[in-house]
Amino acid sequence: MFAVRGRKFQCATTTCSPFVNTVTPTIIKCEMTCLAQVYCRAASFHQSNSNCELFTDMSNEIGNMLTDLDIITTIVIAGTRSPPEPATTTTSTATTSTITTTIRGNGNSYTKSFYFNNNHIKSIPSEISQINNLFTLNVAHNDLTNIPKELFDSKTLRNLDVTHNLFPSTILHDIDDKFKVNKATFTYSI
């Protein structure tokens, strides 16, 4: 996903309306919610009220975005989902329980990679460790000072990038030691 800060979709037609409106505490949870919905192609996160709007195909609307400093819009990069998007389209409705089940991966064996870099994220929810087959987590260039201890229990996480955050060097060395046990790649800067 890539982020467009301070811009929102100019929805003049109903085909541009979000198919899900939900409240999430952070942009990272909003992005996770979008990535968990196979038909989600973009998400808009309202920083003032934590409203998360999920959209289907918005490719025709990207050139017509309006300025709104309260909103961070993220757009799914085509071809980067794992597993890939299905070739057919159907109508789906979302509920919290469906989102949670889908985020965990529905037990499939595909590895999952999440790129939440450059989003001013201050914390990572511990629930991210519940994602089945989490392979890559990139949270570089954010405002993190720690990561959830539950990530250390992951048997599949092999790539963790926390470069350019606000971690004290002692925490970085502790994280590095714990990830060496799993033979994972841990990228950081002091």
Protein backbone atom coordinates (compact mmCIF):
# COMPACT_ATOMS: atom_id res chain seq x y z
CA MET A 1 0.00 0.00 0.00
CA PHE A 2 1.14 3.53 -0.51
CA ALA A 3 -0.10 6.50 1.48
CA VAL A 4 -1.43 9.81 0.21
CA ARG A 5 -1.43 12.22 3.15
CA GLY A 6 -3.96 15.02 3.36
CA ARG A 7 -6.03 13.85 0.39
CA LYS A 8 -9.47 12.23 0.11
CA PHE A 9 -11.62 10.88 -2.68
CA GLN A 10 -14.08 13.33 -4.20
CA CYS A 11 -17.11 11.07 -4.19
CA ALA A 12 -19.82 12.67 -6.29
CA THR A 13 -21.42 9.35 -7.31
CA THR A 14 -22.60 6.34 -5.33
CA THR A 15 -20.09 4.10 -7.14
CA CYS A 16 -17.40 6.02 -5.26
CA SER A 17 -18.93 5.45 -1.82
CA PRO A 18 -17.09 3.26 0.70
CA PHE A 19 -18.35 -0.31 1.02
CA VAL A 20 -17.31 -0.43 4.70
CA ASN A 21 -17.23 2.27 7.36
CA THR A 22 -15.64 1.25 10.63
CA VAL A 23 -13.75 2.76 13.54
CA THR A 24 -10.13 1.73 14.01
CA PRO A 25 -7.75 3.19 16.59
CA THR A 26 -4.84 3.67 14.16
CA ILE A 27 -3.97 3.94 10.48
CA ILE A 28 -2.21 0.57 10.68
CA LYS A 29 -5.45 -1.13 11.83
CA CYS A 30 -7.33 0.62 9.03
CA GLU A 31 -4.79 -0.66 6.50
CA MET A 32 -4.97 -4.18 7.99
CA THR A 33 -8.76 -4.07 7.71
CA CYS A 34 -8.47 -3.10 4.04
CA LEU A 35 -5.89 -5.78 3.27
CA ALA A 36 -8.11 -8.36 4.94
CA GLN A 37 -10.94 -7.55 2.52
CA VAL A 38 -10.11 -9.01 -0.88
CA TYR A 39 -12.15 -6.36 -2.73
CA CYS A 40 -10.67 -3.40 -0.89
CA ARG A 41 -8.49 -1.28 -3.18
CA ALA A 42 -8.15 1.84 -0.99
CA ALA A 43 -8.78 3.04 2.55
CA SER A 44 -9.24 6.53 4.00
CA PHE A 45 -8.42 7.04 7.68
CA HIS A 46 -9.86 10.11 9.44
CA GLN A 47 -7.34 10.99 12.15
CA SER A 48 -9.74 13.15 14.20
CA ASN A 49 -12.43 10.49 14.74
CA SER A 50 -10.60 7.24 13.79
CA ASN A 51 -13.12 6.52 11.04
CA CYS A 52 -11.84 4.05 8.46
CA GLU A 53 -13.53 3.92 5.04
CA LEU A 54 -12.85 1.05 2.63
CA PHE A 55 -13.27 1.44 -1.12
CA THR A 56 -13.33 -0.88 -4.12
CA ASP A 57 -11.77 0.20 -7.44
CA MET A 58 -10.85 3.88 -7.12
CA SER A 59 -8.35 4.07 -10.00
CA ASN A 60 -10.54 6.61 -11.86
CA GLU A 61 -10.79 8.82 -8.78
CA ILE A 62 -7.11 9.20 -7.85
CA GLY A 63 -6.64 12.20 -10.16
CA ASN A 64 -9.65 13.97 -8.59
CA MET A 65 -8.71 13.85 -4.92
CA LEU A 66 -9.48 16.78 -2.63
CA THR A 67 -7.28 18.27 0.08
CA ASP A 68 -8.25 17.31 3.63
CA LEU A 69 -5.41 17.43 6.17
CA ASP A 70 -7.34 15.16 8.57
CA ILE A 71 -7.29 12.19 6.18
CA ILE A 72 -4.64 9.68 5.18
CA THR A 73 -5.67 7.68 2.12
CA THR A 74 -3.84 4.45 1.38
CA ILE A 75 -4.07 2.63 -1.92
CA VAL A 76 -3.40 -1.08 -2.46
CA ILE A 77 -0.64 -1.67 -4.99
CA ALA A 78 -1.97 -4.07 -7.64
CA GLY A 79 -0.44 -7.53 -7.64
CA THR A 80 1.02 -7.32 -4.12
CA ARG A 81 -1.60 -9.29 -2.20
CA SER A 82 -0.76 -12.76 -1.00
CA PRO A 83 -2.74 -14.77 -1.90
CA PRO A 84 -3.56 -12.93 -5.15
CA GLU A 85 -6.97 -11.40 -5.74
CA PRO A 86 -9.56 -13.71 -7.30
CA ALA A 87 -10.35 -13.21 -11.00
CA THR A 88 -14.12 -12.97 -10.42
CA THR A 89 -16.03 -10.30 -8.56
CA THR A 90 -18.81 -10.82 -6.07
CA THR A 91 -20.58 -8.65 -3.56
CA SER A 92 -19.46 -9.00 0.03
CA THR A 93 -20.47 -7.49 3.31
CA ALA A 94 -18.09 -7.02 6.19
CA THR A 95 -18.53 -7.54 9.88
CA THR A 96 -15.99 -7.34 12.67
CA SER A 97 -15.86 -11.12 13.07
CA THR A 98 -15.28 -11.61 9.34
CA ILE A 99 -12.47 -9.08 9.35
CA THR A 100 -10.78 -10.74 12.32
CA THR A 101 -10.98 -14.19 10.74
CA THR A 102 -9.67 -12.90 7.42
CA ILE A 103 -6.82 -10.96 9.01
CA ARG A 104 -5.64 -14.15 10.69
CA GLY A 105 -5.44 -15.72 7.25
CA ASN A 106 -8.26 -18.29 7.32
CA GLY A 107 -5.67 -21.00 7.96
CA ASN A 108 -4.24 -20.87 4.43
CA SER A 109 -0.56 -21.53 3.83
CA TYR A 110 0.29 -18.35 1.93
CA THR A 111 2.89 -16.11 3.53
CA LYS A 112 1.81 -12.58 4.30
CA SER A 113 3.83 -9.39 3.98
CA PHE A 114 2.75 -6.04 5.39
CA TYR A 115 4.37 -2.72 4.53
CA PHE A 116 3.34 0.06 6.92
CA ASN A 117 6.39 2.24 6.39
CA ASN A 118 6.22 6.08 6.32
CA ASN A 119 2.93 6.46 8.23
CA HIS A 120 3.89 8.20 11.53
CA ILE A 121 2.76 5.07 13.42
CA LYS A 122 3.37 5.30 17.17
CA SER A 123 2.49 1.73 18.14
CA ILE A 124 1.84 -1.69 16.63
CA PRO A 125 -1.21 -3.58 17.89
CA SER A 126 -0.35 -6.89 19.54
CA GLU A 127 -3.04 -8.56 17.39
CA ILE A 128 -0.67 -8.39 14.42
CA SER A 129 1.08 -11.43 15.88
CA GLN A 130 -2.13 -13.44 15.32
CA ILE A 131 -1.78 -13.24 11.54
CA ASN A 132 -1.16 -16.73 10.19
CA ASN A 133 2.08 -17.05 8.23
CA LEU A 134 3.24 -13.47 8.80
CA PHE A 135 6.53 -13.42 6.88
CA THR A 136 7.47 -9.74 6.44
CA LEU A 137 6.62 -6.71 8.55
CA ASN A 138 8.02 -3.37 7.40
CA VAL A 139 7.36 -0.51 9.83
CA ALA A 140 10.35 1.63 8.84
CA HIS A 141 10.22 5.45 9.01
CA ASN A 142 7.56 5.74 11.73
CA ASP A 143 7.47 6.96 15.34
CA LEU A 144 7.77 3.61 17.11
CA THR A 145 9.55 3.20 20.45
CA ASN A 146 8.72 -0.49 20.99
CA ILE A 147 7.13 -3.52 19.32
CA PRO A 148 4.70 -6.01 20.88
CA LYS A 149 6.45 -8.85 22.67
CA GLU A 150 4.01 -11.25 20.99
CA LEU A 151 5.93 -10.82 17.72
CA PHE A 152 8.85 -12.71 19.26
CA ASP A 153 6.67 -15.83 19.43
CA SER A 154 6.07 -15.84 15.67
CA LYS A 155 7.44 -18.96 14.03
CA THR A 156 7.05 -17.55 10.50
CA LEU A 157 8.19 -13.91 10.77
CA ARG A 158 11.47 -13.76 8.87
CA ASN A 159 11.81 -10.08 7.92
CA LEU A 160 11.27 -7.21 10.33
CA ASP A 161 12.32 -3.70 9.28
CA VAL A 162 12.17 -1.01 11.98
CA THR A 163 14.75 1.40 10.53
CA HIS A 164 14.34 5.12 11.21
CA ASN A 165 12.08 4.93 14.26
CA LEU A 166 12.53 6.20 17.83
CA PHE A 167 13.73 2.98 19.50
CA PRO A 168 16.31 3.27 22.30
CA SER A 169 19.45 1.32 21.32
CA THR A 170 19.00 -1.10 24.25
CA ILE A 171 15.59 -2.20 22.93
CA LEU A 172 16.99 -2.62 19.42
CA HIS A 173 19.72 -4.91 20.70
CA ASP A 174 17.16 -6.95 22.69
CA ILE A 175 14.96 -7.31 19.60
CA ASP A 176 17.98 -8.27 17.51
CA ASP A 177 18.96 -11.00 19.99
CA LYS A 178 15.43 -12.45 20.06
CA PHE A 179 15.14 -12.53 16.27
CA LYS A 180 18.52 -14.23 15.81
CA VAL A 181 17.04 -17.25 17.64
CA ASN A 182 14.49 -17.65 14.79
CA LYS A 183 17.11 -16.95 12.10
CA ALA A 184 15.08 -13.95 11.00
CA THR A 185 16.33 -10.82 9.26
CA PHE A 186 16.04 -7.83 11.54
CA THR A 187 16.83 -4.44 9.99
CA TYR A 188 17.29 -1.40 12.19
CA SER A 189 19.32 1.77 12.61
CA ILE A 190 20.72 3.39 15.75
